Amino acid sequence: MSDSTEVILDEEGIVADTDGELGAEEGADKLTGQRLLEREGDVAADYLEALLDITDLDGDIDIDIEGNRAMISVVEVKAGDLHLLVGDDGEVLNALQELTRLAAARETGERSRLLLDIGGHRAARRAALVAEAKVAIEEARSTGEPVQMAPMTAFERKVVHDAVADAGLISESEGGDPDRYVVIRVS
């Protein structure tokens, strides 16, 4: 491709060029938008399928796109089969998410922001965090004072920030990892 070639994406993320030199194979490597997220999900699913085969665990893999993220869920086929892939407090799940992101990034050439859930762990944690945030939001409203929550991971802080924003309050992350936490303020 010459230096003057301009790459153009249509509404479906299909690559075209202005001088006609960009071939189908080259265009396939330049995925963006919805197609990139779909490709990222497919790569992640393949990676996780291989992991399940190696570990001899049963699970179904669901791929979804929410906003600008691929969401991958490994759903248990037999109860208790996937707890090893979650670990205590989700640390194995977090490590697998990072490995899956690396696999997706290697294949797509783009940084991955996919979210991985295994056995509903992250979904249950999200629900618990929203409930905790609602209590803290009500405390902030009733006292008018800032409310500091316990240290959380980036995923957990994002869930709390979203719940606070939905309630019309203000939240900020403070502190340094791994002790970073959310402070909720009325205004």
C-alpha atoms as a PDB file:
ATOM      1  CA  MET A   1       0.000   0.000   0.000  1.00  0.00           C
ATOM      2  CA  SER A   2       1.441   3.405  -0.916  1.00  0.00           C
ATOM      3  CA  ASP A   3       1.893   6.239   1.586  1.00  0.00           C
ATOM      4  CA  SER A   4      -0.949   8.168  -0.052  1.00  0.00           C
ATOM      5  CA  THR A   5      -3.560   5.424   0.312  1.00  0.00           C
ATOM      6  CA  GLU A   6      -6.443   6.496   2.521  1.00  0.00           C
ATOM      7  CA  VAL A   7      -8.282   3.747   4.359  1.00  0.00           C
ATOM      8  CA  ILE A   8     -12.018   4.298   4.724  1.00  0.00           C
ATOM      9  CA  LEU A   9     -14.468   2.344   6.872  1.00  0.00           C
ATOM     10  CA  ASP A  10     -18.113   2.027   6.017  1.00  0.00           C
ATOM     11  CA  GLU A  11     -20.899   1.812   8.612  1.00  0.00           C
ATOM     12  CA  GLU A  12     -20.278  -1.920   9.082  1.00  0.00           C
ATOM     13  CA  GLY A  13     -16.542  -1.470   9.612  1.00  0.00           C
ATOM     14  CA  ILE A  14     -15.633  -2.815   6.179  1.00  0.00           C
ATOM     15  CA  VAL A  15     -12.336  -1.516   4.907  1.00  0.00           C
ATOM     16  CA  ALA A  16     -12.012   0.197   1.532  1.00  0.00           C
ATOM     17  CA  ASP A  17      -9.319   2.399   0.095  1.00  0.00           C
ATOM     18  CA  THR A  18      -9.327   5.379  -2.211  1.00  0.00           C
ATOM     19  CA  ASP A  19      -6.766   4.146  -4.720  1.00  0.00           C
ATOM     20  CA  GLY A  20      -8.012   0.570  -5.144  1.00  0.00           C
ATOM     21  CA  GLU A  21      -4.777  -1.035  -3.941  1.00  0.00           C
ATOM     22  CA  LEU A  22      -6.021  -2.471  -0.647  1.00  0.00           C
ATOM     23  CA  GLY A  23      -6.768  -6.157  -1.152  1.00  0.00           C
ATOM     24  CA  ALA A  24      -9.187  -8.378   0.735  1.00  0.00           C
ATOM     25  CA  GLU A  25      -6.472  -9.956   2.889  1.00  0.00           C
ATOM     26  CA  GLU A  26      -4.999  -6.580   3.846  1.00  0.00           C
ATOM     27  CA  GLY A  27      -8.469  -5.240   4.619  1.00  0.00           C
ATOM     28  CA  ALA A  28      -9.237  -8.192   6.885  1.00  0.00           C
ATOM     29  CA  ASP A  29      -6.294  -7.194   9.100  1.00  0.00           C
ATOM     30  CA  LYS A  30      -7.676  -3.672   9.555  1.00  0.00           C
ATOM     31  CA  LEU A  31     -10.942  -4.458  11.285  1.00  0.00           C
ATOM     32  CA  THR A  32     -12.622  -1.793  13.393  1.00  0.00           C
ATOM     33  CA  GLY A  33     -15.915  -1.070  15.049  1.00  0.00           C
ATOM     34  CA  GLN A  34     -18.509  -3.798  15.381  1.00  0.00           C
ATOM     35  CA  ARG A  35     -16.545  -6.234  13.241  1.00  0.00           C
ATOM     36  CA  LEU A  36     -13.472  -5.855  15.457  1.00  0.00           C
ATOM     37  CA  LEU A  37     -15.536  -6.587  18.555  1.00  0.00           C
ATOM     38  CA  GLU A  38     -17.072  -9.635  16.883  1.00  0.00           C
ATOM     39  CA  ARG A  39     -13.622 -10.868  15.863  1.00  0.00           C
ATOM     40  CA  GLU A  40     -12.304 -10.213  19.368  1.00  0.00           C
ATOM     41  CA  GLY A  41     -15.187 -12.258  20.808  1.00  0.00           C
ATOM     42  CA  ASP A  42     -14.567 -15.123  18.385  1.00  0.00           C
ATOM     43  CA  VAL A  43     -10.843 -15.220  19.196  1.00  0.00           C
ATOM     44  CA  ALA A  44     -11.575 -15.117  22.934  1.00  0.00           C
ATOM     45  CA  ALA A  45     -14.122 -17.924  22.583  1.00  0.00           C
ATOM     46  CA  ASP A  46     -11.624 -20.087  20.685  1.00  0.00           C
ATOM     47  CA  TYR A  47      -8.951 -19.428  23.323  1.00  0.00           C
ATOM     48  CA  LEU A  48     -11.325 -20.273  26.181  1.00  0.00           C
ATOM     49  CA  GLU A  49     -12.637 -23.362  24.378  1.00  0.00           C
ATOM     50  CA  ALA A  50      -9.059 -24.652  24.152  1.00  0.00           C
ATOM     51  CA  LEU A  51      -8.555 -23.891  27.860  1.00  0.00           C
ATOM     52  CA  LEU A  52     -11.701 -25.811  28.773  1.00  0.00           C
ATOM     53  CA  ASP A  53     -10.499 -28.757  26.675  1.00  0.00           C
ATOM     54  CA  ILE A  54      -7.068 -28.744  28.341  1.00  0.00           C
ATOM     55  CA  THR A  55      -8.563 -28.569  31.841  1.00  0.00           C
ATOM     56  CA  ASP A  56     -11.252 -31.123  30.972  1.00  0.00           C
ATOM     57  CA  LEU A  57     -13.984 -28.785  32.246  1.00  0.00           C
ATOM     58  CA  ASP A  58     -17.432 -28.404  30.757  1.00  0.00           C
ATOM     59  CA  GLY A  59     -18.793 -24.983  29.907  1.00  0.00           C
ATOM     60  CA  ASP A  60     -20.752 -23.202  27.217  1.00  0.00           C
ATOM     61  CA  ILE A  61     -19.352 -19.950  25.858  1.00  0.00           C
ATOM     62  CA  ASP A  62     -21.631 -16.999  25.149  1.00  0.00           C
ATOM     63  CA  ILE A  63     -20.424 -13.962  23.204  1.00  0.00           C
ATOM     64  CA  ASP A  64     -22.185 -10.628  23.390  1.00  0.00           C
ATOM     65  CA  ILE A  65     -21.331  -7.071  22.406  1.00  0.00           C
ATOM     66  CA  GLU A  66     -22.355  -4.351  24.865  1.00  0.00           C
ATOM     67  CA  GLY A  67     -21.523  -0.815  23.882  1.00  0.00           C
ATOM     68  CA  ASN A  68     -17.880  -0.850  22.859  1.00  0.00           C
ATOM     69  CA  ARG A  69     -16.894  -4.111  24.548  1.00  0.00           C
ATOM     70  CA  ALA A  70     -16.982  -7.789  23.811  1.00  0.00           C
ATOM     71  CA  MET A  71     -18.555  -9.678  26.729  1.00  0.00           C
ATOM     72  CA  ILE A  72     -17.610 -13.332  27.048  1.00  0.00           C
ATOM     73  CA  SER A  73     -19.375 -15.640  29.493  1.00  0.00           C
ATOM     74  CA  VAL A  74     -18.422 -19.198  30.293  1.00  0.00           C
ATOM     75  CA  VAL A  75     -21.589 -20.804  31.609  1.00  0.00           C
ATOM     76  CA  GLU A  76     -21.489 -23.931  33.742  1.00  0.00           C
ATOM     77  CA  VAL A  77     -22.874 -27.110  32.256  1.00  0.00           C
ATOM     78  CA  LYS A  78     -22.474 -29.044  35.538  1.00  0.00           C
ATOM     79  CA  ALA A  79     -22.783 -27.226  38.873  1.00  0.00           C
ATOM     80  CA  GLY A  80     -19.438 -26.434  40.475  1.00  0.00           C
ATOM     81  CA  ASP A  81     -17.364 -27.389  37.450  1.00  0.00           C
ATOM     82  CA  LEU A  82     -15.915 -23.945  36.799  1.00  0.00           C
ATOM     83  CA  HIS A  83     -15.066 -22.744  40.325  1.00  0.00           C
ATOM     84  CA  LEU A  84     -11.389 -23.528  39.689  1.00  0.00           C
ATOM     85  CA  LEU A  85     -11.368 -20.954  36.899  1.00  0.00           C
ATOM     86  CA  VAL A  86     -12.780 -18.267  39.215  1.00  0.00           C
ATOM     87  CA  GLY A  87     -10.585 -18.726  42.295  1.00  0.00           C
ATOM     88  CA  ASP A  88     -10.890 -16.985  45.648  1.00  0.00           C
ATOM     89  CA  ASP A  89     -12.422 -13.540  45.187  1.00  0.00           C
ATOM     90  CA  GLY A  90     -12.103 -13.905  41.390  1.00  0.00           C
ATOM     91  CA  GLU A  91      -8.317 -13.634  41.137  1.00  0.00           C
ATOM     92  CA  VAL A  92      -8.037 -16.588  38.727  1.00  0.00           C
ATOM     93  CA  LEU A  93     -10.886 -15.091  36.673  1.00  0.00           C
ATOM     94  CA  ASN A  94      -9.027 -11.755  36.533  1.00  0.00           C
ATOM     95  CA  ALA A  95      -5.833 -13.498  35.387  1.00  0.00           C
ATOM     96  CA  LEU A  96      -7.736 -15.476  32.722  1.00  0.00           C
ATOM     97  CA  GLN A  97      -9.374 -12.271  31.527  1.00  0.00           C
ATOM     98  CA  GLU A  98      -5.936 -10.700  31.023  1.00  0.00           C
ATOM     99  CA  LEU A  99      -4.651 -13.781  29.183  1.00  0.00           C
ATOM    100  CA  THR A 100      -7.770 -13.824  26.995  1.00  0.00           C
ATOM    101  CA  ARG A 101      -7.300 -10.118  26.251  1.00  0.00           C
ATOM    102  CA  LEU A 102      -3.692 -10.802  25.227  1.00  0.00           C
ATOM    103  CA  ALA A 103      -4.808 -13.624  22.918  1.00  0.00           C
ATOM    104  CA  ALA A 104      -7.427 -11.367  21.323  1.00  0.00           C
ATOM    105  CA  ALA A 105      -4.952  -8.498  20.943  1.00  0.00           C
ATOM    106  CA  ARG A 106      -2.396 -10.785  19.325  1.00  0.00           C
ATOM    107  CA  GLU A 107      -4.928 -11.895  16.707  1.00  0.00           C
ATOM    108  CA  THR A 108      -6.629  -8.550  16.032  1.00  0.00           C
ATOM    109  CA  GLY A 109      -3.654  -6.235  16.421  1.00  0.00           C
ATOM    110  CA  GLU A 110      -5.744  -3.989  18.678  1.00  0.00           C
ATOM    111  CA  ARG A 111      -5.827  -3.539  22.459  1.00  0.00           C
ATOM    112  CA  SER A 112      -8.620  -5.643  23.941  1.00  0.00           C
ATOM    113  CA  ARG A 113     -11.080  -4.432  26.579  1.00  0.00           C
ATOM    114  CA  LEU A 114     -13.210  -7.561  26.652  1.00  0.00           C
ATOM    115  CA  LEU A 115     -14.888  -8.599  29.882  1.00  0.00           C
ATOM    116  CA  LEU A 116     -14.872 -12.231  30.925  1.00  0.00           C
ATOM    117  CA  ASP A 117     -17.352 -13.829  33.304  1.00  0.00           C
ATOM    118  CA  ILE A 118     -17.115 -17.419  34.439  1.00  0.00           C
ATOM    119  CA  GLY A 119     -19.954 -19.246  36.132  1.00  0.00           C
ATOM    120  CA  GLY A 120     -21.808 -15.974  36.730  1.00  0.00           C
ATOM    121  CA  HIS A 121     -19.196 -14.771  39.240  1.00  0.00           C
ATOM    122  CA  ARG A 122     -18.830 -11.285  37.770  1.00  0.00           C
ATOM    123  CA  ALA A 123     -22.586 -10.869  37.299  1.00  0.00           C
ATOM    124  CA  ALA A 124     -23.195 -11.799  40.956  1.00  0.00           C
ATOM    125  CA  ARG A 125     -20.410  -9.457  42.064  1.00  0.00           C
ATOM    126  CA  ARG A 126     -21.913  -6.651  39.969  1.00  0.00           C
ATOM    127  CA  ALA A 127     -25.308  -7.127  41.657  1.00  0.00           C
ATOM    128  CA  ALA A 128     -23.701  -7.113  45.125  1.00  0.00           C
ATOM    129  CA  LEU A 129     -21.733  -3.953  44.305  1.00  0.00           C
ATOM    130  CA  VAL A 130     -24.828  -2.139  43.062  1.00  0.00           C
ATOM    131  CA  ALA A 131     -26.563  -3.038  46.333  1.00  0.00           C
ATOM    132  CA  GLU A 132     -23.552  -1.763  48.352  1.00  0.00           C
ATOM    133  CA  ALA A 133     -23.457   1.404  46.269  1.00  0.00           C
ATOM    134  CA  LYS A 134     -27.160   2.064  46.900  1.00  0.00           C
ATOM    135  CA  VAL A 135     -26.564   1.909  50.669  1.00  0.00           C
ATOM    136  CA  ALA A 136     -23.597   4.287  50.371  1.00  0.00           C
ATOM    137  CA  ILE A 137     -25.592   6.617  48.078  1.00  0.00           C
ATOM    138  CA  GLU A 138     -28.408   6.827  50.637  1.00  0.00           C
ATOM    139  CA  GLU A 139     -25.876   7.493  53.404  1.00  0.00           C
ATOM    140  CA  ALA A 140     -24.314  10.316  51.382  1.00  0.00           C
ATOM    141  CA  ARG A 141     -27.746  11.796  50.667  1.00  0.00           C
ATOM    142  CA  SER A 142     -28.919  11.602  54.285  1.00  0.00           C
ATOM    143  CA  THR A 143     -25.728  12.943  55.894  1.00  0.00           C
ATOM    144  CA  GLY A 144     -24.537  15.256  53.133  1.00  0.00           C
ATOM    145  CA  GLU A 145     -21.021  13.959  53.879  1.00  0.00           C
ATOM    146  CA  PRO A 146     -18.704  12.061  51.504  1.00  0.00           C
ATOM    147  CA  VAL A 147     -18.890   8.279  51.850  1.00  0.00           C
ATOM    148  CA  GLN A 148     -15.735   6.225  51.291  1.00  0.00           C
ATOM    149  CA  MET A 149     -16.162   2.645  50.109  1.00  0.00           C
ATOM    150  CA  ALA A 150     -13.745  -0.250  50.589  1.00  0.00           C
ATOM    151  CA  PRO A 151     -10.844  -0.764  48.134  1.00  0.00           C
ATOM    152  CA  MET A 152     -11.921  -2.307  44.819  1.00  0.00           C
ATOM    153  CA  THR A 153     -10.625  -3.493  41.495  1.00  0.00           C
ATOM    154  CA  ALA A 154     -11.051  -1.309  38.402  1.00  0.00           C
ATOM    155  CA  PHE A 155     -14.071  -3.401  37.312  1.00  0.00           C
ATOM    156  CA  GLU A 156     -15.690  -2.981  40.719  1.00  0.00           C
ATOM    157  CA  ARG A 157     -15.046   0.769  40.826  1.00  0.00           C
ATOM    158  CA  LYS A 158     -16.595   1.149  37.362  1.00  0.00           C
ATOM    159  CA  VAL A 159     -19.756  -0.621  38.532  1.00  0.00           C
ATOM    160  CA  VAL A 160     -19.997   1.704  41.556  1.00  0.00           C
ATOM    161  CA  HIS A 161     -19.285   4.843  39.471  1.00  0.00           C
ATOM    162  CA  ASP A 162     -22.089   3.843  37.078  1.00  0.00           C
ATOM    163  CA  ALA A 163     -24.548   3.271  39.952  1.00  0.00           C
ATOM    164  CA  VAL A 164     -23.632   6.630  41.515  1.00  0.00           C
ATOM    165  CA  ALA A 165     -24.029   8.446  38.187  1.00  0.00           C
ATOM    166  CA  ASP A 166     -27.432   6.788  37.664  1.00  0.00           C
ATOM    167  CA  ALA A 167     -28.458   8.116  41.097  1.00  0.00           C
ATOM    168  CA  GLY A 168     -27.367  11.649  40.124  1.00  0.00           C
ATOM    169  CA  LEU A 169     -24.480  11.898  42.580  1.00  0.00           C
ATOM    170  CA  ILE A 170     -20.740  12.353  42.095  1.00  0.00           C
ATOM    171  CA  SER A 171     -18.035   9.745  42.666  1.00  0.00           C
ATOM    172  CA  GLU A 172     -14.262   9.739  42.403  1.00  0.00           C
ATOM    173  CA  SER A 173     -11.605   7.078  42.728  1.00  0.00           C
ATOM    174  CA  GLU A 174      -8.911   7.870  45.258  1.00  0.00           C
ATOM    175  CA  GLY A 175      -5.810   6.143  46.564  1.00  0.00           C
ATOM    176  CA  GLY A 176      -3.389   3.898  44.734  1.00  0.00           C
ATOM    177  CA  ASP A 177      -3.718   0.314  43.555  1.00  0.00           C
ATOM    178  CA  PRO A 178      -4.363  -2.161  45.063  1.00  0.00           C
ATOM    179  CA  ASP A 179      -6.012   0.036  47.708  1.00  0.00           C
ATOM    180  CA  ARG A 180      -7.886   2.344  45.306  1.00  0.00           C
ATOM    181  CA  TYR A 181     -11.424   3.108  46.489  1.00  0.00           C
ATOM    182  CA  VAL A 182     -14.507   5.148  45.553  1.00  0.00           C
ATOM    183  CA  VAL A 183     -15.710   8.243  47.393  1.00  0.00           C
ATOM    184  CA  ILE A 184     -19.344   9.239  46.861  1.00  0.00           C
ATOM    185  CA  ARG A 185     -20.405  12.893  47.205  1.00  0.00           C
ATOM    186  CA  VAL A 186     -23.758  14.625  46.950  1.00  0.00           C
ATOM    187  CA  SER A 187     -22.228  17.502  44.959  1.00  0.00           C
END
